[in-house]
Amino acid sequence: MQEADCLAGHVAVVTGGSSGIGRAIALGLSRQGAQVCVVGRNPVTLAETVAAAGQFSHIRGFQIDLTAEENLQPLLTHLKGEAGRLDILVHSAGLLRHDPMERARVEDLDIQYNVNVRAPYVLTQHLLPLLTAARGQIVFINSSLALTAKRPEVGQYSATKHALKAVADSLREEVNGRGIRVLTVCLGRTATPMQEVLHRQEGKNYRPEMLLQPDDIASVVVQALTLSSTAEITDISMRPMRMT
């Protein structure tokens, strides 16, 4: 186990921090002393994350729709000005749509691409100079569907998650020489509001206790981020424990 406050003085950005996995990671980083910039779209749940994490360390919320590049300016201005650095970038924002190809809307493919691929690509591009200066770390929260798409109705979503892994894998080869570590975390079904909606759409009983827990994922991510700089974890795959 790492000592408390082992990330004191570090600055982190966590997208998708309004709830679920992003919130858990933001809280986990705050407990380790990191100054967290948490990004989300829902002002109410974003404020809840800020309030919960504020008891551990300095945290600032940014209500941003990441699909519009011009919306990033307040975050970029803060990081380049007041914060003055960036050590950790965690991409946790994501969007999921399920439908068979014969009736899936191309508009749903477009919005999933914008949220799941383009937005993290663009944000990373903007923040690479700061990450390079700090010899920082980038985490892409991904899905088990980035590894295989052998399920019906997930073609659109899985395609964006395969693309996101490709972005991470190629980026790692570009930036390792600068001392930047890049981690992809591929997750099975997790107890999040998104997953609750999906279960309801599928007509399934939602039993969050049978799914991955956001706090467990956050614990793994924080441990990876606090690993000695002499080592790099490139890929982590997690799934719910199959209990009878």
C-alpha atoms as a PDB file:
ATOM      1  CA  MET A   1       0.000   0.000   0.000  1.00  0.00           C
ATOM      2  CA  GLN A   2       1.117   3.534  -0.726  1.00  0.00           C
ATOM      3  CA  GLU A   3       1.317   6.091   2.040  1.00  0.00           C
ATOM      4  CA  ALA A   4      -1.426   8.701   2.309  1.00  0.00           C
ATOM      5  CA  ASP A   5      -0.885  11.926   0.374  1.00  0.00           C
ATOM      6  CA  CYS A   6       1.620  10.241  -1.952  1.00  0.00           C
ATOM      7  CA  LEU A   7       0.245  12.419  -4.768  1.00  0.00           C
ATOM      8  CA  ALA A   8       0.464  15.657  -2.812  1.00  0.00           C
ATOM      9  CA  GLY A   9       1.430  18.507  -5.128  1.00  0.00           C
ATOM     10  CA  HIS A  10       0.272  16.647  -8.214  1.00  0.00           C
ATOM     11  CA  VAL A  11      -2.444  18.112 -10.444  1.00  0.00           C
ATOM     12  CA  ALA A  12      -4.947  15.754 -12.072  1.00  0.00           C
ATOM     13  CA  VAL A  13      -7.757  16.116 -14.589  1.00  0.00           C
ATOM     14  CA  VAL A  14     -10.584  13.574 -14.504  1.00  0.00           C
ATOM     15  CA  THR A  15     -13.302  13.666 -17.150  1.00  0.00           C
ATOM     16  CA  GLY A  16     -16.671  12.023 -16.622  1.00  0.00           C
ATOM     17  CA  GLY A  17     -16.318  12.930 -12.958  1.00  0.00           C
ATOM     18  CA  SER A  18     -19.961  13.708 -12.275  1.00  0.00           C
ATOM     19  CA  SER A  19     -20.737  10.127 -11.251  1.00  0.00           C
ATOM     20  CA  GLY A  20     -19.742   6.483 -11.464  1.00  0.00           C
ATOM     21  CA  ILE A  21     -16.156   5.534 -12.286  1.00  0.00           C
ATOM     22  CA  GLY A  22     -14.967   9.099 -12.887  1.00  0.00           C
ATOM     23  CA  ARG A  23     -16.274  10.254  -9.526  1.00  0.00           C
ATOM     24  CA  ALA A  24     -14.653   7.307  -7.732  1.00  0.00           C
ATOM     25  CA  ILE A  25     -11.297   8.046  -9.383  1.00  0.00           C
ATOM     26  CA  ALA A  26     -11.543  11.755  -8.566  1.00  0.00           C
ATOM     27  CA  LEU A  27     -12.213  10.878  -4.924  1.00  0.00           C
ATOM     28  CA  GLY A  28      -9.397   8.334  -4.907  1.00  0.00           C
ATOM     29  CA  LEU A  29      -6.896  10.843  -6.250  1.00  0.00           C
ATOM     30  CA  SER A  30      -8.095  13.473  -3.772  1.00  0.00           C
ATOM     31  CA  ARG A  31      -7.554  11.080  -0.886  1.00  0.00           C
ATOM     32  CA  GLN A  32      -3.933  10.779  -2.026  1.00  0.00           C
ATOM     33  CA  GLY A  33      -3.518  14.546  -1.883  1.00  0.00           C
ATOM     34  CA  ALA A  34      -3.792  15.377  -5.583  1.00  0.00           C
ATOM     35  CA  GLN A  35      -5.326  18.646  -6.678  1.00  0.00           C
ATOM     36  CA  VAL A  36      -8.124  17.474  -8.954  1.00  0.00           C
ATOM     37  CA  CYS A  37      -9.859  19.269 -11.809  1.00  0.00           C
ATOM     38  CA  VAL A  38     -13.023  17.254 -12.291  1.00  0.00           C
ATOM     39  CA  VAL A  39     -14.920  17.630 -15.562  1.00  0.00           C
ATOM     40  CA  GLY A  40     -18.585  16.771 -16.088  1.00  0.00           C
ATOM     41  CA  ARG A  41     -21.704  17.904 -17.885  1.00  0.00           C
ATOM     42  CA  ASN A  42     -24.317  17.667 -15.131  1.00  0.00           C
ATOM     43  CA  PRO A  43     -23.917  20.664 -12.797  1.00  0.00           C
ATOM     44  CA  VAL A  44     -25.792  19.037  -9.911  1.00  0.00           C
ATOM     45  CA  THR A  45     -23.875  15.774  -9.790  1.00  0.00           C
ATOM     46  CA  LEU A  46     -20.622  17.584 -10.586  1.00  0.00           C
ATOM     47  CA  ALA A  47     -21.156  19.757  -7.508  1.00  0.00           C
ATOM     48  CA  GLU A  48     -21.734  16.594  -5.472  1.00  0.00           C
ATOM     49  CA  THR A  49     -18.382  15.218  -6.572  1.00  0.00           C
ATOM     50  CA  VAL A  50     -16.638  18.478  -5.709  1.00  0.00           C
ATOM     51  CA  ALA A  51     -18.254  18.537  -2.269  1.00  0.00           C
ATOM     52  CA  ALA A  52     -17.329  14.909  -1.564  1.00  0.00           C
ATOM     53  CA  ALA A  53     -13.706  15.284  -2.653  1.00  0.00           C
ATOM     54  CA  GLY A  54     -13.177  18.704  -1.098  1.00  0.00           C
ATOM     55  CA  GLN A  55     -12.746  17.179   2.354  1.00  0.00           C
ATOM     56  CA  PHE A  56      -9.515  15.497   1.215  1.00  0.00           C
ATOM     57  CA  SER A  57      -7.748  18.028  -0.995  1.00  0.00           C
ATOM     58  CA  HIS A  58      -8.263  21.005  -3.260  1.00  0.00           C
ATOM     59  CA  ILE A  59     -10.698  20.208  -6.073  1.00  0.00           C
ATOM     60  CA  ARG A  60     -12.259  22.332  -8.779  1.00  0.00           C
ATOM     61  CA  GLY A  61     -15.211  21.477 -10.994  1.00  0.00           C
ATOM     62  CA  PHE A  62     -15.539  22.327 -14.670  1.00  0.00           C
ATOM     63  CA  GLN A  63     -18.936  21.946 -16.321  1.00  0.00           C
ATOM     64  CA  ILE A  64     -17.900  21.160 -19.886  1.00  0.00           C
ATOM     65  CA  ASP A  65     -19.405  19.436 -22.900  1.00  0.00           C
ATOM     66  CA  LEU A  66     -16.235  17.837 -24.244  1.00  0.00           C
ATOM     67  CA  THR A  67     -17.629  17.410 -27.771  1.00  0.00           C
ATOM     68  CA  ALA A  68     -17.156  21.128 -28.448  1.00  0.00           C
ATOM     69  CA  GLU A  69     -13.454  22.017 -28.503  1.00  0.00           C
ATOM     70  CA  GLU A  70     -14.044  25.679 -27.681  1.00  0.00           C
ATOM     71  CA  ASN A  71     -15.595  24.612 -24.356  1.00  0.00           C
ATOM     72  CA  LEU A  72     -12.171  23.438 -23.131  1.00  0.00           C
ATOM     73  CA  GLN A  73     -10.805  26.970 -22.743  1.00  0.00           C
ATOM     74  CA  PRO A  74     -11.661  27.515 -19.041  1.00  0.00           C
ATOM     75  CA  LEU A  75      -9.927  24.247 -18.125  1.00  0.00           C
ATOM     76  CA  LEU A  76      -6.895  24.971 -20.304  1.00  0.00           C
ATOM     77  CA  THR A  77      -6.593  28.501 -18.920  1.00  0.00           C
ATOM     78  CA  HIS A  78      -6.691  27.200 -15.345  1.00  0.00           C
ATOM     79  CA  LEU A  79      -4.085  24.500 -15.950  1.00  0.00           C
ATOM     80  CA  LYS A  80      -1.689  26.803 -17.802  1.00  0.00           C
ATOM     81  CA  GLY A  81      -2.224  29.643 -15.348  1.00  0.00           C
ATOM     82  CA  GLU A  82      -3.286  29.087 -11.744  1.00  0.00           C
ATOM     83  CA  ALA A  83      -2.413  25.382 -11.560  1.00  0.00           C
ATOM     84  CA  GLY A  84       0.730  25.771 -13.640  1.00  0.00           C
ATOM     85  CA  ARG A  85       1.165  22.057 -14.317  1.00  0.00           C
ATOM     86  CA  LEU A  86      -0.542  18.745 -15.085  1.00  0.00           C
ATOM     87  CA  ASP A  87       0.641  15.379 -13.812  1.00  0.00           C
ATOM     88  CA  ILE A  88      -2.302  13.060 -14.431  1.00  0.00           C
ATOM     89  CA  LEU A  89      -4.999  12.965 -17.121  1.00  0.00           C
ATOM     90  CA  VAL A  90      -7.807  10.439 -16.698  1.00  0.00           C
ATOM     91  CA  HIS A  91     -10.314  10.000 -19.526  1.00  0.00           C
ATOM     92  CA  SER A  92     -13.458   8.509 -17.992  1.00  0.00           C
ATOM     93  CA  ALA A  93     -16.237  10.263 -19.920  1.00  0.00           C
ATOM     94  CA  GLY A  94     -18.113   7.990 -22.276  1.00  0.00           C
ATOM     95  CA  LEU A  95     -21.387   7.365 -24.069  1.00  0.00           C
ATOM     96  CA  LEU A  96     -23.085   4.089 -24.932  1.00  0.00           C
ATOM     97  CA  ARG A  97     -25.819   3.238 -27.437  1.00  0.00           C
ATOM     98  CA  HIS A  98     -27.026  -0.308 -28.187  1.00  0.00           C
ATOM     99  CA  ASP A  99     -29.009  -1.285 -31.271  1.00  0.00           C
ATOM    100  CA  PRO A 100     -28.826  -3.883 -34.033  1.00  0.00           C
ATOM    101  CA  MET A 101     -27.212  -2.524 -37.187  1.00  0.00           C
ATOM    102  CA  GLU A 102     -30.397  -2.846 -39.227  1.00  0.00           C
ATOM    103  CA  ARG A 103     -32.042  -0.096 -37.208  1.00  0.00           C
ATOM    104  CA  ALA A 104     -29.131   1.696 -35.500  1.00  0.00           C
ATOM    105  CA  ARG A 105     -29.005   5.406 -36.229  1.00  0.00           C
ATOM    106  CA  VAL A 106     -25.875   6.777 -37.838  1.00  0.00           C
ATOM    107  CA  GLU A 107     -26.372   9.853 -35.649  1.00  0.00           C
ATOM    108  CA  ASP A 108     -25.774   7.612 -32.611  1.00  0.00           C
ATOM    109  CA  LEU A 109     -22.536   6.397 -34.157  1.00  0.00           C
ATOM    110  CA  ASP A 110     -21.459   9.997 -34.702  1.00  0.00           C
ATOM    111  CA  ILE A 111     -22.145  11.125 -31.133  1.00  0.00           C
ATOM    112  CA  GLN A 112     -20.425   8.050 -29.671  1.00  0.00           C
ATOM    113  CA  TYR A 113     -17.390   8.743 -31.838  1.00  0.00           C
ATOM    114  CA  ASN A 114     -17.361  12.372 -30.714  1.00  0.00           C
ATOM    115  CA  VAL A 115     -17.571  11.524 -26.997  1.00  0.00           C
ATOM    116  CA  ASN A 116     -15.597   8.276 -26.866  1.00  0.00           C
ATOM    117  CA  VAL A 117     -12.795   8.974 -29.347  1.00  0.00           C
ATOM    118  CA  ARG A 118     -12.541  12.524 -30.636  1.00  0.00           C
ATOM    119  CA  ALA A 119     -13.010  14.291 -27.280  1.00  0.00           C
ATOM    120  CA  PRO A 120     -10.235  12.414 -25.429  1.00  0.00           C
ATOM    121  CA  TYR A 121      -7.974  12.710 -28.489  1.00  0.00           C
ATOM    122  CA  VAL A 122      -8.408  16.478 -28.681  1.00  0.00           C
ATOM    123  CA  LEU A 123      -8.068  17.032 -24.936  1.00  0.00           C
ATOM    124  CA  THR A 124      -4.903  14.933 -24.801  1.00  0.00           C
ATOM    125  CA  GLN A 125      -3.473  16.866 -27.745  1.00  0.00           C
ATOM    126  CA  HIS A 126      -4.028  20.157 -25.932  1.00  0.00           C
ATOM    127  CA  LEU A 127      -2.524  18.910 -22.670  1.00  0.00           C
ATOM    128  CA  LEU A 128       0.529  17.029 -23.951  1.00  0.00           C
ATOM    129  CA  PRO A 129       2.918  19.979 -23.431  1.00  0.00           C
ATOM    130  CA  LEU A 130       1.987  20.163 -19.735  1.00  0.00           C
ATOM    131  CA  LEU A 131       2.161  16.385 -19.347  1.00  0.00           C
ATOM    132  CA  THR A 132       5.550  16.340 -21.041  1.00  0.00           C
ATOM    133  CA  ALA A 133       6.907  19.000 -18.702  1.00  0.00           C
ATOM    134  CA  ALA A 134       5.761  16.966 -15.666  1.00  0.00           C
ATOM    135  CA  ARG A 135       6.656  13.545 -17.123  1.00  0.00           C
ATOM    136  CA  GLY A 136       3.024  12.782 -16.426  1.00  0.00           C
ATOM    137  CA  GLN A 137       0.567   9.941 -16.843  1.00  0.00           C
ATOM    138  CA  ILE A 138      -2.513   9.351 -18.994  1.00  0.00           C
ATOM    139  CA  VAL A 139      -5.279   6.860 -18.203  1.00  0.00           C
ATOM    140  CA  PHE A 140      -7.923   5.798 -20.713  1.00  0.00           C
ATOM    141  CA  ILE A 141     -10.901   4.164 -19.022  1.00  0.00           C
ATOM    142  CA  ASN A 142     -12.112   1.751 -21.682  1.00  0.00           C
ATOM    143  CA  SER A 143     -14.422  -1.254 -22.028  1.00  0.00           C
ATOM    144  CA  SER A 144     -14.036  -4.994 -22.431  1.00  0.00           C
ATOM    145  CA  LEU A 145     -15.727  -4.364 -25.774  1.00  0.00           C
ATOM    146  CA  ALA A 146     -12.452  -2.768 -26.905  1.00  0.00           C
ATOM    147  CA  LEU A 147     -11.008  -6.281 -26.842  1.00  0.00           C
ATOM    148  CA  THR A 148     -13.817  -8.233 -28.485  1.00  0.00           C
ATOM    149  CA  ALA A 149     -17.156  -7.390 -30.088  1.00  0.00           C
ATOM    150  CA  LYS A 150     -18.648 -10.877 -30.090  1.00  0.00           C
ATOM    151  CA  ARG A 151     -22.013  -9.653 -28.846  1.00  0.00           C
ATOM    152  CA  PRO A 152     -25.007  -8.411 -30.788  1.00  0.00           C
ATOM    153  CA  GLU A 153     -26.015  -4.778 -30.929  1.00  0.00           C
ATOM    154  CA  VAL A 154     -22.686  -3.332 -29.770  1.00  0.00           C
ATOM    155  CA  GLY A 155     -21.070  -2.638 -33.141  1.00  0.00           C
ATOM    156  CA  GLN A 156     -21.127   1.142 -32.864  1.00  0.00           C
ATOM    157  CA  TYR A 157     -19.965   1.363 -29.261  1.00  0.00           C
ATOM    158  CA  SER A 158     -17.352  -1.359 -29.623  1.00  0.00           C
ATOM    159  CA  ALA A 159     -15.930   0.318 -32.727  1.00  0.00           C
ATOM    160  CA  THR A 160     -15.334   3.531 -30.762  1.00  0.00           C
ATOM    161  CA  LYS A 161     -13.718   1.613 -27.908  1.00  0.00           C
ATOM    162  CA  HIS A 162     -11.417  -0.286 -30.285  1.00  0.00           C
ATOM    163  CA  ALA A 163     -10.477   3.107 -31.741  1.00  0.00           C
ATOM    164  CA  LEU A 164      -9.768   4.538 -28.287  1.00  0.00           C
ATOM    165  CA  LYS A 165      -7.425   1.656 -27.488  1.00  0.00           C
ATOM    166  CA  ALA A 166      -5.626   2.233 -30.781  1.00  0.00           C
ATOM    167  CA  VAL A 167      -5.172   5.882 -29.848  1.00  0.00           C
ATOM    168  CA  ALA A 168      -3.728   4.896 -26.461  1.00  0.00           C
ATOM    169  CA  ASP A 169      -1.423   2.211 -27.860  1.00  0.00           C
ATOM    170  CA  SER A 170       0.033   4.474 -30.533  1.00  0.00           C
ATOM    171  CA  LEU A 171       0.324   7.420 -28.147  1.00  0.00           C
ATOM    172  CA  ARG A 172       2.288   5.281 -25.700  1.00  0.00           C
ATOM    173  CA  GLU A 173       4.915   4.610 -28.377  1.00  0.00           C
ATOM    174  CA  GLU A 174       5.152   8.334 -29.073  1.00  0.00           C
ATOM    175  CA  VAL A 175       5.481   9.615 -25.510  1.00  0.00           C
ATOM    176  CA  ASN A 176       7.236   6.915 -23.489  1.00  0.00           C
ATOM    177  CA  GLY A 177      10.525   8.455 -24.510  1.00  0.00           C
ATOM    178  CA  ARG A 178       9.444  11.680 -22.814  1.00  0.00           C
ATOM    179  CA  GLY A 179       8.777   9.837 -19.578  1.00  0.00           C
ATOM    180  CA  ILE A 180       4.978   9.794 -19.986  1.00  0.00           C
ATOM    181  CA  ARG A 181       3.149   6.606 -19.037  1.00  0.00           C
ATOM    182  CA  VAL A 182      -0.097   5.580 -20.792  1.00  0.00           C
ATOM    183  CA  LEU A 183      -2.539   3.105 -19.262  1.00  0.00           C
ATOM    184  CA  THR A 184      -5.679   1.550 -20.749  1.00  0.00           C
ATOM    185  CA  VAL A 185      -8.190   0.016 -18.323  1.00  0.00           C
ATOM    186  CA  CYS A 186     -10.735  -2.291 -19.989  1.00  0.00           C
ATOM    187  CA  LEU A 187     -13.763  -2.909 -17.808  1.00  0.00           C
ATOM    188  CA  GLY A 188     -16.632  -5.338 -17.738  1.00  0.00           C
ATOM    189  CA  ARG A 189     -20.071  -4.291 -16.555  1.00  0.00           C
ATOM    190  CA  THR A 190     -19.810  -1.843 -13.680  1.00  0.00           C
ATOM    191  CA  ALA A 191     -22.332  -0.572 -11.140  1.00  0.00           C
ATOM    192  CA  THR A 192     -22.889   2.895 -12.600  1.00  0.00           C
ATOM    193  CA  PRO A 193     -25.924   4.988 -13.581  1.00  0.00           C
ATOM    194  CA  MET A 194     -25.144   4.224 -17.240  1.00  0.00           C
ATOM    195  CA  GLN A 195     -25.252   0.514 -16.558  1.00  0.00           C
ATOM    196  CA  GLU A 196     -28.532   0.833 -14.671  1.00  0.00           C
ATOM    197  CA  VAL A 197     -30.101   2.499 -17.712  1.00  0.00           C
ATOM    198  CA  LEU A 198     -28.709  -0.212 -19.989  1.00  0.00           C
ATOM    199  CA  HIS A 199     -30.147  -2.986 -17.823  1.00  0.00           C
ATOM    200  CA  ARG A 200     -33.529  -1.293 -17.923  1.00  0.00           C
ATOM    201  CA  GLN A 201     -33.363  -1.007 -21.725  1.00  0.00           C
ATOM    202  CA  GLU A 202     -32.481  -4.696 -21.953  1.00  0.00           C
ATOM    203  CA  GLY A 203     -35.326  -5.652 -19.630  1.00  0.00           C
ATOM    204  CA  LYS A 204     -32.885  -7.112 -17.106  1.00  0.00           C
ATOM    205  CA  ASN A 205     -32.946  -6.917 -13.323  1.00  0.00           C
ATOM    206  CA  TYR A 206     -30.260  -4.461 -12.190  1.00  0.00           C
ATOM    207  CA  ARG A 207     -28.204  -6.015  -9.388  1.00  0.00           C
ATOM    208  CA  PRO A 208     -25.294  -3.648  -8.740  1.00  0.00           C
ATOM    209  CA  GLU A 209     -23.782  -5.960  -6.125  1.00  0.00           C
ATOM    210  CA  MET A 210     -23.049  -8.471  -8.907  1.00  0.00           C
ATOM    211  CA  LEU A 211     -21.112  -5.944 -10.999  1.00  0.00           C
ATOM    212  CA  LEU A 212     -17.718  -4.279 -10.775  1.00  0.00           C
ATOM    213  CA  GLN A 213     -17.672  -1.522  -8.163  1.00  0.00           C
ATOM    214  CA  PRO A 214     -16.370   1.964  -9.072  1.00  0.00           C
ATOM    215  CA  ASP A 215     -14.355   2.144  -5.846  1.00  0.00           C
ATOM    216  CA  ASP A 216     -12.493  -1.056  -6.736  1.00  0.00           C
ATOM    217  CA  ILE A 217     -11.638   0.340 -10.158  1.00  0.00           C
ATOM    218  CA  ALA A 218     -10.476   3.606  -8.609  1.00  0.00           C
ATOM    219  CA  SER A 219      -8.255   1.700  -6.183  1.00  0.00           C
ATOM    220  CA  VAL A 220      -6.554  -0.148  -9.052  1.00  0.00           C
ATOM    221  CA  VAL A 221      -6.074   3.049 -11.068  1.00  0.00           C
ATOM    222  CA  VAL A 222      -4.590   4.954  -8.121  1.00  0.00           C
ATOM    223  CA  GLN A 223      -2.213   2.080  -7.363  1.00  0.00           C
ATOM    224  CA  ALA A 224      -1.054   2.073 -10.991  1.00  0.00           C
ATOM    225  CA  LEU A 225      -0.522   5.832 -10.915  1.00  0.00           C
ATOM    226  CA  THR A 226       1.575   5.637  -7.748  1.00  0.00           C
ATOM    227  CA  LEU A 227       3.816   2.897  -9.097  1.00  0.00           C
ATOM    228  CA  SER A 228       7.535   3.686  -9.221  1.00  0.00           C
ATOM    229  CA  SER A 229       8.525   5.550 -12.392  1.00  0.00           C
ATOM    230  CA  THR A 230      10.840   2.668 -13.296  1.00  0.00           C
ATOM    231  CA  ALA A 231       7.821   0.588 -14.374  1.00  0.00           C
ATOM    232  CA  GLU A 232       4.761   1.040 -16.562  1.00  0.00           C
ATOM    233  CA  ILE A 233       1.470  -0.840 -16.561  1.00  0.00           C
ATOM    234  CA  THR A 234       0.135  -0.589 -20.093  1.00  0.00           C
ATOM    235  CA  ASP A 235      -3.140  -2.529 -19.912  1.00  0.00           C
ATOM    236  CA  ILE A 236      -5.493  -3.674 -17.168  1.00  0.00           C
ATOM    237  CA  SER A 237      -8.564  -5.831 -17.716  1.00  0.00           C
ATOM    238  CA  MET A 238     -11.214  -6.152 -15.000  1.00  0.00           C
ATOM    239  CA  ARG A 239     -14.515  -7.988 -14.928  1.00  0.00           C
ATOM    240  CA  PRO A 240     -17.137  -8.789 -12.297  1.00  0.00           C
ATOM    241  CA  MET A 241     -16.326 -11.771 -10.121  1.00  0.00           C
ATOM    242  CA  ARG A 242     -18.511 -14.658 -11.310  1.00  0.00           C
ATOM    243  CA  MET A 243     -20.260 -15.807  -8.171  1.00  0.00           C
ATOM    244  CA  THR A 244     -22.830 -18.604  -7.985  1.00  0.00           C
END
